[in-house]
PDB file of all heavy atoms in Angstrom:
ATOM      1  N   ASP A   1       7.807  -2.218 -15.297  1.00  0.00           N
ATOM      2  CA  ASP A   1       8.142  -0.805 -15.457  1.00  0.00           C
ATOM      3  C   ASP A   1       8.999  -0.272 -14.316  1.00  0.00           C
ATOM      4  O   ASP A   1       9.867   0.573 -14.535  1.00  0.00           O
ATOM      5  CB  ASP A   1       6.861   0.033 -15.548  1.00  0.00           C
ATOM      6  CG  ASP A   1       6.021  -0.362 -16.739  1.00  0.00           C
ATOM      7  OD1 ASP A   1       6.599  -0.761 -17.768  1.00  0.00           O
ATOM      8  OD2 ASP A   1       4.781  -0.288 -16.646  1.00  0.00           O
ATOM      9  N   ASP A   2       8.737  -0.753 -13.108  1.00  0.00           N
ATOM     10  CA  ASP A   2       9.460  -0.259 -11.942  1.00  0.00           C
ATOM     11  C   ASP A   2       9.576  -1.402 -10.938  1.00  0.00           C
ATOM     12  O   ASP A   2       8.592  -1.754 -10.280  1.00  0.00           O
ATOM     13  CB  ASP A   2       8.713   0.925 -11.312  1.00  0.00           C
ATOM     14  CG  ASP A   2       9.457   1.533 -10.137  1.00  0.00           C
ATOM     15  OD1 ASP A   2      10.451   0.928  -9.663  1.00  0.00           O
ATOM     16  OD2 ASP A   2       9.029   2.597  -9.667  1.00  0.00           O
ATOM     17  N   PRO A   3      10.763  -1.996 -10.795  1.00  0.00           N
ATOM     18  CA  PRO A   3      10.909  -3.144  -9.904  1.00  0.00           C
ATOM     19  C   PRO A   3      10.670  -2.820  -8.432  1.00  0.00           C
ATOM     20  O   PRO A   3      10.576  -3.727  -7.618  1.00  0.00           O
ATOM     21  CB  PRO A   3      12.351  -3.610 -10.146  1.00  0.00           C
ATOM     22  CG  PRO A   3      13.050  -2.430 -10.706  1.00  0.00           C
ATOM     23  CD  PRO A   3      12.018  -1.645 -11.458  1.00  0.00           C
ATOM     24  N   LEU A   4      10.564  -1.539  -8.095  1.00  0.00           N
ATOM     25  CA  LEU A   4      10.274  -1.165  -6.713  1.00  0.00           C
ATOM     26  C   LEU A   4       8.772  -1.126  -6.425  1.00  0.00           C
ATOM     27  O   LEU A   4       8.372  -0.915  -5.289  1.00  0.00           O
ATOM     28  CB  LEU A   4      10.901   0.203  -6.391  1.00  0.00           C
ATOM     29  CG  LEU A   4      12.425   0.256  -6.494  1.00  0.00           C
ATOM     30  CD1 LEU A   4      12.930   1.654  -6.172  1.00  0.00           C
ATOM     31  CD2 LEU A   4      13.067  -0.773  -5.567  1.00  0.00           C
ATOM     32  N   LYS A   5       7.960  -1.323  -7.469  1.00  0.00           N
ATOM     33  CA  LYS A   5       6.507  -1.302  -7.288  1.00  0.00           C
ATOM     34  C   LYS A   5       5.932  -2.681  -7.593  1.00  0.00           C
ATOM     35  O   LYS A   5       6.389  -3.359  -8.518  1.00  0.00           O
ATOM     36  CB  LYS A   5       5.870  -0.257  -8.205  1.00  0.00           C
ATOM     37  CG  LYS A   5       6.253   1.156  -7.848  1.00  0.00           C
ATOM     38  CD  LYS A   5       5.572   2.145  -8.748  1.00  0.00           C
ATOM     39  CE  LYS A   5       5.994   3.561  -8.364  1.00  0.00           C
ATOM     40  NZ  LYS A   5       5.454   4.558  -9.295  1.00  0.00           N
ATOM     41  N   PRO A   6       4.922  -3.096  -6.822  1.00  0.00           N
ATOM     42  CA  PRO A   6       4.311  -4.403  -7.111  1.00  0.00           C
ATOM     43  C   PRO A   6       3.596  -4.414  -8.448  1.00  0.00           C
ATOM     44  O   PRO A   6       2.985  -3.420  -8.858  1.00  0.00           O
ATOM     45  CB  PRO A   6       3.317  -4.599  -5.963  1.00  0.00           C
ATOM     46  CG  PRO A   6       3.338  -3.373  -5.141  1.00  0.00           C
ATOM     47  CD  PRO A   6       4.349  -2.421  -5.695  1.00  0.00           C
ATOM     48  N   GLY A   7       3.691  -5.555  -9.139  1.00  0.00           N
ATOM     49  CA  GLY A   7       3.011  -5.721 -10.413  1.00  0.00           C
ATOM     50  C   GLY A   7       1.560  -6.131 -10.233  1.00  0.00           C
ATOM     51  O   GLY A   7       1.076  -6.303  -9.108  1.00  0.00           O
ATOM     52  N   PRO A   8       0.848  -6.322 -11.340  1.00  0.00           N
ATOM     53  CA  PRO A   8      -0.596  -6.556 -11.294  1.00  0.00           C
ATOM     54  C   PRO A   8      -1.004  -7.881 -10.649  1.00  0.00           C
ATOM     55  O   PRO A   8      -2.135  -8.017 -10.190  1.00  0.00           O
ATOM     56  CB  PRO A   8      -1.011  -6.536 -12.770  1.00  0.00           C
ATOM     57  CG  PRO A   8       0.239  -6.815 -13.536  1.00  0.00           C
ATOM     58  CD  PRO A   8       1.365  -6.265 -12.710  1.00  0.00           C
ATOM     59  N   GLY A   9      -0.097  -8.862 -10.565  1.00  0.00           N
ATOM     60  CA  GLY A   9      -0.455 -10.144  -9.959  1.00  0.00           C
ATOM     61  C   GLY A   9      -0.219 -10.209  -8.460  1.00  0.00           C
ATOM     62  O   GLY A   9      -0.459 -11.231  -7.823  1.00  0.00           O
ATOM     63  N   THR A  10       0.226  -9.117  -7.859  1.00  0.00           N
ATOM     64  CA  THR A  10       0.508  -9.089  -6.420  1.00  0.00           C
ATOM     65  C   THR A  10      -0.790  -9.185  -5.633  1.00  0.00           C
ATOM     66  O   THR A  10      -1.767  -8.515  -5.938  1.00  0.00           O
ATOM     67  CB  THR A  10       1.251  -7.790  -6.052  1.00  0.00           C
ATOM     68  OG1 THR A  10       2.496  -7.763  -6.748  1.00  0.00           O
ATOM     69  CG2 THR A  10       1.495  -7.682  -4.560  1.00  0.00           C
ATOM     70  N   ASN A  11      -0.772 -10.040  -4.597  1.00  0.00           N
ATOM     71  CA  ASN A  11      -1.941 -10.136  -3.718  1.00  0.00           C
ATOM     72  C   ASN A  11      -1.554 -10.145  -2.245  1.00  0.00           C
ATOM     73  O   ASN A  11      -2.248 -10.729  -1.415  1.00  0.00           O
ATOM     74  CB  ASN A  11      -2.790 -11.370  -4.071  1.00  0.00           C
ATOM     75  CG  ASN A  11      -2.108 -12.683  -3.722  1.00  0.00           C
ATOM     76  OD1 ASN A  11      -1.006 -12.712  -3.178  1.00  0.00           O
ATOM     77  ND2 ASN A  11      -2.760 -13.785  -4.037  1.00  0.00           N
ATOM     78  N   MET A  12      -0.447  -9.503  -1.906  1.00  0.00           N
ATOM     79  CA  MET A  12       0.053  -9.514  -0.527  1.00  0.00           C
ATOM     80  C   MET A  12      -1.012  -9.011   0.447  1.00  0.00           C
ATOM     81  O   MET A  12      -1.666  -8.003   0.204  1.00  0.00           O
ATOM     82  CB  MET A  12       1.309  -8.650  -0.406  1.00  0.00           C
ATOM     83  CG  MET A  12       2.489  -9.127  -1.236  1.00  0.00           C
ATOM     84  SD  MET A  12       3.151 -10.724  -0.731  1.00  0.00           S
ATOM     85  CE  MET A  12       3.867 -10.314   0.840  1.00  0.00           C
ATOM     86  N   GLN A  13      -1.178  -9.767   1.547  1.00  0.00           N
ATOM     87  CA  GLN A  13      -2.140  -9.433   2.587  1.00  0.00           C
ATOM     88  C   GLN A  13      -1.485  -9.605   3.957  1.00  0.00           C
ATOM     89  O   GLN A  13      -0.464 -10.282   4.094  1.00  0.00           O
ATOM     90  CB  GLN A  13      -3.368 -10.351   2.501  1.00  0.00           C
ATOM     91  CG  GLN A  13      -4.173 -10.199   1.243  1.00  0.00           C
ATOM     92  CD  GLN A  13      -4.949  -8.898   1.188  1.00  0.00           C
ATOM     93  OE1 GLN A  13      -5.277  -8.316   2.227  1.00  0.00           O
ATOM     94  NE2 GLN A  13      -5.241  -8.434  -0.010  1.00  0.00           N
ATOM     95  N   THR A  14      -2.114  -9.044   4.970  1.00  0.00           N
ATOM     96  CA  THR A  14      -1.628  -9.228   6.334  1.00  0.00           C
ATOM     97  C   THR A  14      -1.825 -10.685   6.748  1.00  0.00           C
ATOM     98  O   THR A  14      -2.704 -11.375   6.213  1.00  0.00           O
ATOM     99  CB  THR A  14      -2.388  -8.323   7.318  1.00  0.00           C
ATOM    100  OG1 THR A  14      -3.755  -8.754   7.366  1.00  0.00           O
ATOM    101  CG2 THR A  14      -2.301  -6.862   6.920  1.00  0.00           C
ATOM    102  N   PRO A  15      -1.043 -11.157   7.715  1.00  0.00           N
ATOM    103  CA  PRO A  15      -1.254 -12.523   8.189  1.00  0.00           C
ATOM    104  C   PRO A  15      -2.657 -12.724   8.757  1.00  0.00           C
ATOM    105  O   PRO A  15      -3.246 -13.791   8.606  1.00  0.00           O
ATOM    106  CB  PRO A  15      -0.169 -12.729   9.244  1.00  0.00           C
ATOM    107  CG  PRO A  15       0.424 -11.395   9.512  1.00  0.00           C
ATOM    108  CD  PRO A  15       0.099 -10.507   8.356  1.00  0.00           C
ATOM    109  N   GLU A  16      -3.202 -11.686   9.378  1.00  0.00           N
ATOM    110  CA  GLU A  16      -4.557 -11.790   9.940  1.00  0.00           C
ATOM    111  C   GLU A  16      -5.606 -12.010   8.855  1.00  0.00           C
ATOM    112  O   GLU A  16      -6.528 -12.810   9.021  1.00  0.00           O
ATOM    113  CB  GLU A  16      -4.889 -10.528  10.749  1.00  0.00           C
ATOM    114  CG  GLU A  16      -4.043 -10.337  11.995  1.00  0.00           C
ATOM    115  CD  GLU A  16      -2.645  -9.758  11.741  1.00  0.00           C
ATOM    116  OE1 GLU A  16      -2.365  -9.306  10.611  1.00  0.00           O
ATOM    117  OE2 GLU A  16      -1.830  -9.772  12.684  1.00  0.00           O
ATOM    118  N   LYS A  17      -5.459 -11.338   7.730  1.00  0.00           N
ATOM    119  CA  LYS A  17      -6.388 -11.515   6.610  1.00  0.00           C
ATOM    120  C   LYS A  17      -6.253 -12.915   6.014  1.00  0.00           C
ATOM    121  O   LYS A  17      -7.243 -13.536   5.627  1.00  0.00           O
ATOM    122  CB  LYS A  17      -6.137 -10.445   5.545  1.00  0.00           C
ATOM    123  CG  LYS A  17      -6.961 -10.600   4.279  1.00  0.00           C
ATOM    124  CD  LYS A  17      -8.443 -10.456   4.515  1.00  0.00           C
ATOM    125  CE  LYS A  17      -9.220 -10.572   3.209  1.00  0.00           C
ATOM    126  NZ  LYS A  17     -10.658 -10.658   3.430  1.00  0.00           N
ATOM    127  N   ARG A  18      -5.026 -13.422   5.961  1.00  0.00           N
ATOM    128  CA  ARG A  18      -4.792 -14.727   5.342  1.00  0.00           C
ATOM    129  C   ARG A  18      -5.396 -15.882   6.149  1.00  0.00           C
ATOM    130  O   ARG A  18      -5.613 -16.960   5.612  1.00  0.00           O
ATOM    131  CB  ARG A  18      -3.299 -14.946   5.124  1.00  0.00           C
ATOM    132  CG  ARG A  18      -2.748 -14.036   4.033  1.00  0.00           C
ATOM    133  CD  ARG A  18      -1.276 -14.207   3.835  1.00  0.00           C
ATOM    134  NE  ARG A  18      -0.959 -15.544   3.326  1.00  0.00           N
ATOM    135  CZ  ARG A  18       0.284 -15.980   3.175  1.00  0.00           C
ATOM    136  NH1 ARG A  18       1.318 -15.212   3.492  1.00  0.00           N
ATOM    137  NH2 ARG A  18       0.498 -17.189   2.707  1.00  0.00           N
ATOM    138  N   VAL A  19      -5.648 -15.644   7.440  1.00  0.00           N
ATOM    139  CA  VAL A  19      -6.246 -16.703   8.268  1.00  0.00           C
ATOM    140  C   VAL A  19      -7.649 -16.338   8.761  1.00  0.00           C
ATOM    141  O   VAL A  19      -8.219 -17.051   9.585  1.00  0.00           O
ATOM    142  CB  VAL A  19      -5.340 -17.083   9.471  1.00  0.00           C
ATOM    143  CG1 VAL A  19      -4.035 -17.695   8.994  1.00  0.00           C
ATOM    144  CG2 VAL A  19      -5.094 -15.891  10.371  1.00  0.00           C
ATOM    145  N   GLU A  20      -8.208 -15.269   8.236  1.00  0.00           N
ATOM    146  CA  GLU A  20      -9.538 -14.819   8.663  1.00  0.00           C
ATOM    147  C   GLU A  20     -10.577 -15.936   8.545  1.00  0.00           C
ATOM    148  O   GLU A  20     -11.382 -16.168   9.459  1.00  0.00           O
ATOM    149  CB  GLU A  20      -9.955 -13.617   7.809  1.00  0.00           C
ATOM    150  CG  GLU A  20     -11.368 -13.145   8.009  1.00  0.00           C
ATOM    151  CD  GLU A  20     -11.760 -12.065   7.009  1.00  0.00           C
ATOM    152  OE1 GLU A  20     -11.469 -12.217   5.808  1.00  0.00           O
ATOM    153  OE2 GLU A  20     -12.369 -11.076   7.457  1.00  0.00           O
ATOM    154  N   HIS A  21     -10.579 -16.649   7.434  1.00  0.00           N
ATOM    155  CA  HIS A  21     -11.560 -17.714   7.218  1.00  0.00           C
ATOM    156  C   HIS A  21     -11.294 -18.923   8.111  1.00  0.00           C
ATOM    157  O   HIS A  21     -12.216 -19.652   8.462  1.00  0.00           O
ATOM    158  CB  HIS A  21     -11.587 -18.117   5.739  1.00  0.00           C
ATOM    159  CG  HIS A  21     -10.271 -18.578   5.196  1.00  0.00           C
ATOM    160  ND1 HIS A  21      -9.158 -17.774   5.111  1.00  0.00           N
ATOM    161  CD2 HIS A  21      -9.885 -19.792   4.724  1.00  0.00           C
ATOM    162  CE1 HIS A  21      -8.144 -18.447   4.610  1.00  0.00           C
ATOM    163  NE2 HIS A  21      -8.565 -19.685   4.368  1.00  0.00           N
ATOM    164  N   ILE A  22     -10.045 -19.124   8.502  1.00  0.00           N
ATOM    165  CA  ILE A  22      -9.706 -20.232   9.406  1.00  0.00           C
ATOM    166  C   ILE A  22     -10.277 -19.947  10.789  1.00  0.00           C
ATOM    167  O   ILE A  22     -10.908 -20.813  11.410  1.00  0.00           O
ATOM    168  CB  ILE A  22      -8.174 -20.426   9.481  1.00  0.00           C
ATOM    169  CG1 ILE A  22      -7.567 -20.614   8.093  1.00  0.00           C
ATOM    170  CG2 ILE A  22      -7.821 -21.554  10.429  1.00  0.00           C
ATOM    171  CD1 ILE A  22      -8.145 -21.751   7.283  1.00  0.00           C
ATOM    172  N   VAL A  23     -10.069 -18.737  11.262  1.00  0.00           N
ATOM    173  CA  VAL A  23     -10.583 -18.338  12.575  1.00  0.00           C
ATOM    174  C   VAL A  23     -12.110 -18.413  12.594  1.00  0.00           C
ATOM    175  O   VAL A  23     -12.714 -18.908  13.551  1.00  0.00           O
ATOM    176  CB  VAL A  23     -10.083 -16.920  12.934  1.00  0.00           C
ATOM    177  CG1 VAL A  23     -10.750 -16.406  14.197  1.00  0.00           C
ATOM    178  CG2 VAL A  23      -8.554 -16.915  13.076  1.00  0.00           C
ATOM    179  N   ALA A  24     -12.734 -17.971  11.512  1.00  0.00           N
ATOM    180  CA  ALA A  24     -14.199 -17.927  11.467  1.00  0.00           C
ATOM    181  C   ALA A  24     -14.822 -19.311  11.314  1.00  0.00           C
ATOM    182  O   ALA A  24     -15.859 -19.599  11.928  1.00  0.00           O
ATOM    183  CB  ALA A  24     -14.657 -17.023  10.321  1.00  0.00           C
ATOM    184  N   LEU A  25     -14.217 -20.187  10.511  1.00  0.00           N
ATOM    185  CA  LEU A  25     -14.862 -21.445  10.129  1.00  0.00           C
ATOM    186  C   LEU A  25     -14.298 -22.676  10.828  1.00  0.00           C
ATOM    187  O   LEU A  25     -14.931 -23.731  10.812  1.00  0.00           O
ATOM    188  CB  LEU A  25     -14.778 -21.631   8.605  1.00  0.00           C
ATOM    189  CG  LEU A  25     -15.465 -20.526   7.798  1.00  0.00           C
ATOM    190  CD1 LEU A  25     -15.198 -20.704   6.321  1.00  0.00           C
ATOM    191  CD2 LEU A  25     -16.959 -20.520   8.080  1.00  0.00           C
ATOM    192  N   GLN A  26     -13.124 -22.559  11.399  1.00  0.00           N
ATOM    193  CA  GLN A  26     -12.497 -23.628  12.172  1.00  0.00           C
ATOM    194  C   GLN A  26     -12.555 -24.998  11.488  1.00  0.00           C
ATOM    195  O   GLN A  26     -13.162 -25.947  11.996  1.00  0.00           O
ATOM    196  CB  GLN A  26     -13.126 -23.696  13.571  1.00  0.00           C
ATOM    197  CG  GLN A  26     -12.932 -22.417  14.335  1.00  0.00           C
ATOM    198  CD  GLN A  26     -13.576 -22.428  15.702  1.00  0.00           C
ATOM    199  OE1 GLN A  26     -14.556 -23.117  15.943  1.00  0.00           O
ATOM    200  NE2 GLN A  26     -13.020 -21.653  16.611  1.00  0.00           N
ATOM    201  N   PRO A  27     -11.918 -25.123  10.318  1.00  0.00           N
ATOM    202  CA  PRO A  27     -11.824 -26.445   9.682  1.00  0.00           C
ATOM    203  C   PRO A  27     -10.918 -27.341  10.521  1.00  0.00           C
ATOM    204  O   PRO A  27     -10.236 -26.862  11.434  1.00  0.00           O
ATOM    205  CB  PRO A  27     -11.184 -26.118   8.327  1.00  0.00           C
ATOM    206  CG  PRO A  27     -10.315 -24.932   8.630  1.00  0.00           C
ATOM    207  CD  PRO A  27     -11.120 -24.105   9.615  1.00  0.00           C
ATOM    208  N   GLU A  28     -10.877 -28.607  10.205  1.00  0.00           N
ATOM    209  CA  GLU A  28      -9.995 -29.507  10.938  1.00  0.00           C
ATOM    210  C   GLU A  28      -8.526 -29.207  10.652  1.00  0.00           C
ATOM    211  O   GLU A  28      -7.678 -29.304  11.537  1.00  0.00           O
ATOM    212  CB  GLU A  28     -10.298 -30.973  10.564  1.00  0.00           C
ATOM    213  CG  GLU A  28     -11.625 -31.479  11.067  1.00  0.00           C
ATOM    214  CD  GLU A  28     -12.791 -31.169  10.141  1.00  0.00           C
ATOM    215  OE1 GLU A  28     -12.606 -30.494   9.093  1.00  0.00           O
ATOM    216  OE2 GLU A  28     -13.904 -31.594  10.464  1.00  0.00           O
ATOM    217  N   ILE A  29      -8.225 -28.861   9.389  1.00  0.00           N
ATOM    218  CA  ILE A  29      -6.847 -28.638   8.935  1.00  0.00           C
ATOM    219  C   ILE A  29      -6.813 -27.382   8.072  1.00  0.00           C
ATOM    220  O   ILE A  29      -7.807 -27.044   7.426  1.00  0.00           O
ATOM    221  CB  ILE A  29      -6.342 -29.831   8.080  1.00  0.00           C
ATOM    222  CG1 ILE A  29      -6.450 -31.155   8.843  1.00  0.00           C
ATOM    223  CG2 ILE A  29      -4.900 -29.631   7.609  1.00  0.00           C
ATOM    224  CD1 ILE A  29      -6.185 -32.378   7.967  1.00  0.00           C
ATOM    225  N   CYS A  30      -5.665 -26.708   8.053  1.00  0.00           N
ATOM    226  CA  CYS A  30      -5.437 -25.665   7.044  1.00  0.00           C
ATOM    227  C   CYS A  30      -3.970 -25.680   6.665  1.00  0.00           C
ATOM    228  O   CYS A  30      -3.115 -26.089   7.449  1.00  0.00           O
ATOM    229  CB  CYS A  30      -5.851 -24.280   7.548  1.00  0.00           C
ATOM    230  SG  CYS A  30      -4.762 -23.594   8.802  1.00  0.00           S
ATOM    231  N   SER A  31      -3.694 -25.271   5.446  1.00  0.00           N
ATOM    232  CA  SER A  31      -2.295 -25.213   5.013  1.00  0.00           C
ATOM    233  C   SER A  31      -1.594 -24.041   5.682  1.00  0.00           C
ATOM    234  O   SER A  31      -2.214 -23.031   6.011  1.00  0.00           O
ATOM    235  CB  SER A  31      -2.211 -25.093   3.490  1.00  0.00           C
ATOM    236  OG  SER A  31      -2.793 -23.877   3.061  1.00  0.00           O
ATOM    237  N   LEU A  32      -0.297 -24.200   5.903  1.00  0.00           N
ATOM    238  CA  LEU A  32       0.552 -23.115   6.389  1.00  0.00           C
ATOM    239  C   LEU A  32       1.855 -23.203   5.608  1.00  0.00           C
ATOM    240  O   LEU A  32       2.678 -24.083   5.854  1.00  0.00           O
ATOM    241  CB  LEU A  32       0.796 -23.223   7.897  1.00  0.00           C
ATOM    242  CG  LEU A  32       1.680 -22.127   8.496  1.00  0.00           C
ATOM    243  CD1 LEU A  32       1.083 -20.734   8.285  1.00  0.00           C
ATOM    244  CD2 LEU A  32       1.919 -22.385   9.988  1.00  0.00           C
ATOM    245  N   ASP A  33       2.013 -22.315   4.632  1.00  0.00           N
ATOM    246  CA  ASP A  33       3.193 -22.330   3.766  1.00  0.00           C
ATOM    247  C   ASP A  33       4.400 -21.778   4.517  1.00  0.00           C
ATOM    248  O   ASP A  33       4.315 -20.710   5.122  1.00  0.00           O
ATOM    249  CB  ASP A  33       2.952 -21.486   2.517  1.00  0.00           C
ATOM    250  CG  ASP A  33       1.851 -22.046   1.631  1.00  0.00           C
ATOM    251  OD1 ASP A  33       1.429 -23.194   1.843  1.00  0.00           O
ATOM    252  OD2 ASP A  33       1.409 -21.324   0.715  1.00  0.00           O
ATOM    253  N   LEU A  34       5.517 -22.486   4.434  1.00  0.00           N
ATOM    254  CA  LEU A  34       6.752 -22.020   5.067  1.00  0.00           C
ATOM    255  C   LEU A  34       7.743 -21.476   4.048  1.00  0.00           C
ATOM    256  O   LEU A  34       8.838 -21.092   4.400  1.00  0.00           O
ATOM    257  CB  LEU A  34       7.401 -23.165   5.855  1.00  0.00           C
ATOM    258  CG  LEU A  34       6.558 -23.759   6.981  1.00  0.00           C
ATOM    259  CD1 LEU A  34       7.380 -24.767   7.774  1.00  0.00           C
ATOM    260  CD2 LEU A  34       5.997 -22.694   7.902  1.00  0.00           C
ATOM    261  N   ASN A  35       7.347 -21.425   2.792  1.00  0.00           N
ATOM    262  CA  ASN A  35       8.292 -21.081   1.721  1.00  0.00           C
ATOM    263  C   ASN A  35       8.329 -19.595   1.403  1.00  0.00           C
ATOM    264  O   ASN A  35       7.339 -18.887   1.505  1.00  0.00           O
ATOM    265  CB  ASN A  35       7.921 -21.836   0.452  1.00  0.00           C
ATOM    266  CG  ASN A  35       6.550 -21.445  -0.088  1.00  0.00           C
ATOM    267  OD1 ASN A  35       5.604 -21.273   0.665  1.00  0.00           O
ATOM    268  ND2 ASN A  35       6.431 -21.309  -1.392  1.00  0.00           N
TER     269      ASN A  35
END
């Protein structure tokens, strides 16, 4: 309806939120997307 507004599948989050579980749980590895 409006290309200036996010659609229903948008899940954009802050970088801090995206790694919250990594900081808390400290797995051996985590993905880091560069794309």
